[in-house]
Protein backbone atom coordinates (compact mmCIF):
# COMPACT_ATOMS: atom_id res chain seq x y z
CA UNK A 1 -36.18 -3.68 8.29
CA UNK A 2 -35.24 -3.28 4.50
CA UNK A 3 -33.94 0.06 4.83
CA UNK A 4 -31.56 -0.68 8.30
CA UNK A 5 -29.91 -4.18 6.46
CA UNK A 6 -29.67 -1.43 3.11
CA UNK A 7 -27.99 1.24 5.44
CA UNK A 8 -25.42 -1.60 6.86
CA UNK A 9 -24.70 -3.41 3.42
CA UNK A 10 -23.65 0.07 2.02
CA UNK A 11 -21.47 0.84 4.89
CA UNK A 12 -19.54 -2.11 5.68
CA UNK A 13 -18.33 -1.71 1.62
CA UNK A 14 -18.01 1.51 1.87
CA UNK A 15 -16.02 0.90 5.06
CA UNK A 16 -14.08 -2.39 2.87
CA UNK A 17 -13.65 0.66 0.34
CA UNK A 18 -11.68 2.39 2.20
CA UNK A 19 -9.41 -0.52 3.95
CA UNK A 20 -8.33 -1.02 -0.04
CA UNK A 21 -7.79 2.47 -0.52
CA UNK A 22 -5.51 2.53 2.59
CA UNK A 23 -3.80 -0.87 1.40
CA UNK A 24 -3.57 0.66 -2.67
CA UNK A 25 -1.29 3.97 -0.49
CA UNK A 26 0.36 1.12 1.64
CA UNK A 27 1.71 -0.63 -1.02
CA UNK A 28 2.03 2.23 -4.08
CA UNK A 29 3.84 5.14 -1.85
CA UNK A 30 7.19 3.41 -0.88
CA UNK A 31 7.63 2.15 -4.36
CA UNK A 32 6.55 5.77 -5.89
CA UNK A 33 9.08 7.02 -3.01
CA UNK A 34 12.00 4.32 -4.28
CA UNK A 35 10.88 5.20 -8.27
CA UNK A 36 11.66 8.92 -7.46
CA UNK A 37 15.56 7.83 -5.46
CA UNK A 38 13.76 8.09 -2.32
CA UNK A 39 14.81 6.13 0.77
CA UNK A 40 12.07 3.73 2.48
CA UNK A 41 12.00 1.96 5.51
CA UNK A 42 12.77 -1.88 6.34
CA UNK A 43 9.42 -1.29 8.42
CA UNK A 44 7.69 0.40 5.52
CA UNK A 45 9.36 -2.33 2.95
CA UNK A 46 8.16 -4.97 4.42
CA UNK A 47 4.70 -3.33 5.10
CA UNK A 48 4.54 -1.99 1.69
CA UNK A 49 5.19 -5.48 0.70
CA UNK A 50 2.45 -7.58 2.40
CA UNK A 51 -0.10 -4.70 1.92
CA UNK A 52 0.83 -5.35 -2.33
CA UNK A 53 0.08 -8.92 -1.30
CA UNK A 54 -3.38 -8.52 -0.17
CA UNK A 55 -4.16 -6.07 -2.91
CA UNK A 56 -3.26 -8.92 -5.52
CA UNK A 57 -5.38 -11.06 -4.11
CA UNK A 58 -8.18 -8.26 -4.21
CA UNK A 59 -10.22 -7.72 -7.36
CA UNK A 60 -8.76 -4.71 -8.80
CA UNK A 61 -9.50 -3.10 -12.22
CA UNK A 62 -6.85 -3.52 -14.91
CA UNK A 63 -5.04 -0.48 -13.99
CA UNK A 64 -4.89 -0.89 -10.52
CA UNK A 65 -3.22 -3.88 -10.96
CA UNK A 66 -0.64 -3.11 -13.76
CA UNK A 67 0.06 -0.29 -10.72
CA UNK A 68 0.28 -2.93 -7.46
CA UNK A 69 2.18 -5.27 -9.95
CA UNK A 70 4.93 -2.74 -10.95
CA UNK A 71 4.72 -1.67 -6.71
CA UNK A 72 4.72 -5.06 -5.60
CA UNK A 73 8.45 -5.47 -8.55
CA UNK A 74 9.93 -2.44 -7.13
CA UNK A 75 9.59 -3.20 -3.21
CA UNK A 76 11.38 -6.67 -3.99
CA UNK A 77 13.66 -5.38 -6.07
CA UNK A 78 14.01 -3.06 -2.93
CA UNK A 79 14.66 -6.10 -0.86
CA UNK A 80 16.65 -8.66 -2.72
CA UNK A 81 19.20 -6.05 -3.11
CA UNK A 82 19.29 -4.81 0.62
CA UNK A 83 19.36 -8.40 1.68
CA UNK A 84 22.77 -8.66 -0.70
CA UNK A 85 24.38 -5.62 1.00
CA UNK A 86 23.79 -7.46 3.99
CA UNK A 87 25.31 -11.05 3.13
């Protein structure tokens, strides 16, 4: 019984870890494209902003937190730029 509980705990942690990696890439990848001068769709930009916001609420190591903060700033700047162009 203890083994089953341990397996379930480790399984849920690995699923949560995989989700965090997915959120990390959804946050960082669009920002990296923008930093490189590439284009990101409005839909992708919105999803990236949500992923970054969720990551900011999670427990990240210092290096990851800095990367997420930079990505969130880049994404926010791009959204503000787009909104200014439409008004």
